[in-house]
N, C-alpha and C. Protein backbone atom coordinates (compact mmCIF):
# COMPACT_ATOMS: atom_id res chain seq x y z
N MET A 1 -25.21 -15.92 19.94
CA MET A 1 -25.31 -15.45 18.55
C MET A 1 -23.94 -15.05 18.01
N ILE A 2 -23.20 -14.30 18.81
CA ILE A 2 -21.87 -13.87 18.38
C ILE A 2 -20.99 -15.11 18.16
N LYS A 3 -21.18 -16.10 19.03
CA LYS A 3 -20.35 -17.30 18.94
C LYS A 3 -20.62 -18.03 17.61
N SER A 4 -21.89 -18.09 17.20
CA SER A 4 -22.21 -18.79 15.96
C SER A 4 -21.61 -18.06 14.75
N ILE A 5 -21.69 -16.73 14.77
CA ILE A 5 -21.09 -15.95 13.68
C ILE A 5 -19.59 -16.21 13.65
N PHE A 6 -18.98 -16.22 14.82
CA PHE A 6 -17.54 -16.46 14.93
C PHE A 6 -17.19 -17.82 14.33
N LEU A 7 -18.01 -18.84 14.68
CA LEU A 7 -17.75 -20.19 14.19
C LEU A 7 -17.98 -20.29 12.69
N ASP A 8 -18.87 -19.46 12.15
CA ASP A 8 -19.11 -19.46 10.70
C ASP A 8 -17.96 -18.77 9.96
N VAL A 9 -17.50 -17.66 10.52
CA VAL A 9 -16.51 -16.83 9.83
C VAL A 9 -15.10 -17.40 9.95
N LEU A 10 -14.81 -18.00 11.09
CA LEU A 10 -13.45 -18.45 11.37
C LEU A 10 -12.88 -19.41 10.32
N PRO A 11 -13.60 -20.47 9.94
CA PRO A 11 -13.03 -21.39 8.94
C PRO A 11 -12.74 -20.70 7.62
N ILE A 12 -13.64 -19.79 7.20
CA ILE A 12 -13.44 -19.08 5.94
C ILE A 12 -12.19 -18.21 6.03
N THR A 13 -12.05 -17.52 7.15
CA THR A 13 -10.90 -16.65 7.35
C THR A 13 -9.61 -17.46 7.32
N VAL A 14 -9.61 -18.59 8.03
CA VAL A 14 -8.43 -19.45 8.07
C VAL A 14 -8.09 -19.94 6.68
N LYS A 15 -9.14 -20.32 5.92
CA LYS A 15 -8.92 -20.81 4.56
C LYS A 15 -8.30 -19.72 3.69
N ASN A 16 -8.83 -18.50 3.81
CA ASN A 16 -8.31 -17.37 3.01
C ASN A 16 -6.87 -17.07 3.38
N ILE A 17 -6.57 -17.06 4.68
CA ILE A 17 -5.21 -16.77 5.12
C ILE A 17 -4.27 -17.85 4.59
N ALA A 18 -4.70 -19.11 4.64
CA ALA A 18 -3.86 -20.20 4.15
C ALA A 18 -3.60 -20.03 2.65
N LYS A 19 -4.64 -19.62 1.92
CA LYS A 19 -4.49 -19.44 0.48
C LYS A 19 -3.52 -18.30 0.18
N ASP A 20 -3.68 -17.19 0.90
CA ASP A 20 -2.79 -16.03 0.72
C ASP A 20 -1.35 -16.42 1.06
N PHE A 21 -1.19 -17.16 2.16
CA PHE A 21 0.14 -17.58 2.59
C PHE A 21 0.79 -18.44 1.51
N GLU A 22 -0.02 -19.34 0.92
CA GLU A 22 0.48 -20.20 -0.14
C GLU A 22 0.95 -19.36 -1.33
N MET A 23 0.14 -18.38 -1.70
CA MET A 23 0.49 -17.51 -2.83
C MET A 23 1.78 -16.74 -2.53
N VAL A 24 1.89 -16.22 -1.31
CA VAL A 24 3.08 -15.46 -0.94
C VAL A 24 4.31 -16.36 -0.99
N MET A 25 4.16 -17.61 -0.50
CA MET A 25 5.29 -18.54 -0.50
C MET A 25 5.72 -18.87 -1.93
N GLN A 26 4.74 -19.09 -2.82
CA GLN A 26 5.08 -19.36 -4.22
C GLN A 26 5.78 -18.15 -4.83
N PHE A 27 5.25 -16.96 -4.53
CA PHE A 27 5.83 -15.72 -5.03
C PHE A 27 7.28 -15.60 -4.59
N TRP A 28 7.52 -15.82 -3.28
CA TRP A 28 8.88 -15.69 -2.74
C TRP A 28 9.79 -16.74 -3.34
N ARG A 29 9.25 -17.97 -3.52
CA ARG A 29 10.08 -19.05 -4.06
C ARG A 29 10.53 -18.69 -5.48
N SER A 30 9.60 -18.20 -6.28
CA SER A 30 9.95 -17.86 -7.67
C SER A 30 10.96 -16.71 -7.68
N TRP A 31 10.74 -15.70 -6.84
CA TRP A 31 11.67 -14.57 -6.82
C TRP A 31 13.04 -14.99 -6.32
N THR A 32 13.07 -15.84 -5.29
CA THR A 32 14.35 -16.26 -4.73
C THR A 32 15.14 -17.04 -5.76
N SER A 33 14.45 -17.96 -6.48
CA SER A 33 15.15 -18.75 -7.49
C SER A 33 15.64 -17.83 -8.61
N LEU A 34 14.82 -16.82 -8.95
CA LEU A 34 15.22 -15.88 -10.01
C LEU A 34 16.48 -15.12 -9.59
N ILE A 35 16.48 -14.59 -8.36
CA ILE A 35 17.62 -13.81 -7.87
C ILE A 35 18.86 -14.69 -7.77
N LEU A 36 18.67 -15.93 -7.26
CA LEU A 36 19.81 -16.84 -7.16
C LEU A 36 20.37 -17.14 -8.54
N GLY A 37 19.47 -17.34 -9.51
CA GLY A 37 19.91 -17.60 -10.89
C GLY A 37 20.71 -16.42 -11.42
N LEU A 38 20.22 -15.20 -11.16
CA LEU A 38 20.94 -14.01 -11.62
C LEU A 38 22.33 -13.93 -10.98
N PHE A 39 22.39 -14.21 -9.67
CA PHE A 39 23.69 -14.17 -8.99
C PHE A 39 24.64 -15.19 -9.58
N MET A 40 24.12 -16.39 -9.89
CA MET A 40 24.97 -17.43 -10.47
C MET A 40 25.47 -17.00 -11.84
N VAL A 41 24.58 -16.38 -12.64
CA VAL A 41 24.98 -15.91 -13.97
C VAL A 41 26.05 -14.83 -13.84
N ILE A 42 25.82 -13.88 -12.92
CA ILE A 42 26.79 -12.79 -12.72
C ILE A 42 28.12 -13.37 -12.23
N GLY A 43 28.03 -14.34 -11.31
CA GLY A 43 29.25 -14.94 -10.78
C GLY A 43 30.03 -15.68 -11.86
N SER A 44 29.33 -16.33 -12.78
CA SER A 44 30.04 -17.06 -13.83
C SER A 44 30.62 -16.11 -14.88
N LEU A 45 30.01 -14.92 -15.02
CA LEU A 45 30.50 -13.96 -16.01
C LEU A 45 31.79 -13.28 -15.54
N ARG A 46 31.92 -13.10 -14.23
CA ARG A 46 33.07 -12.35 -13.72
C ARG A 46 34.37 -13.12 -13.87
């Protein structure tokens, strides 16, 4: 019984983790590009 619950829950959990990971990666990508852009602007101003 425990095994069946595990097999039911596991795919959902993996899917959720993958979705969260994707969101975090997009978040980091946008922030990194923003910070790099700011550094480039600051560097060109100096």
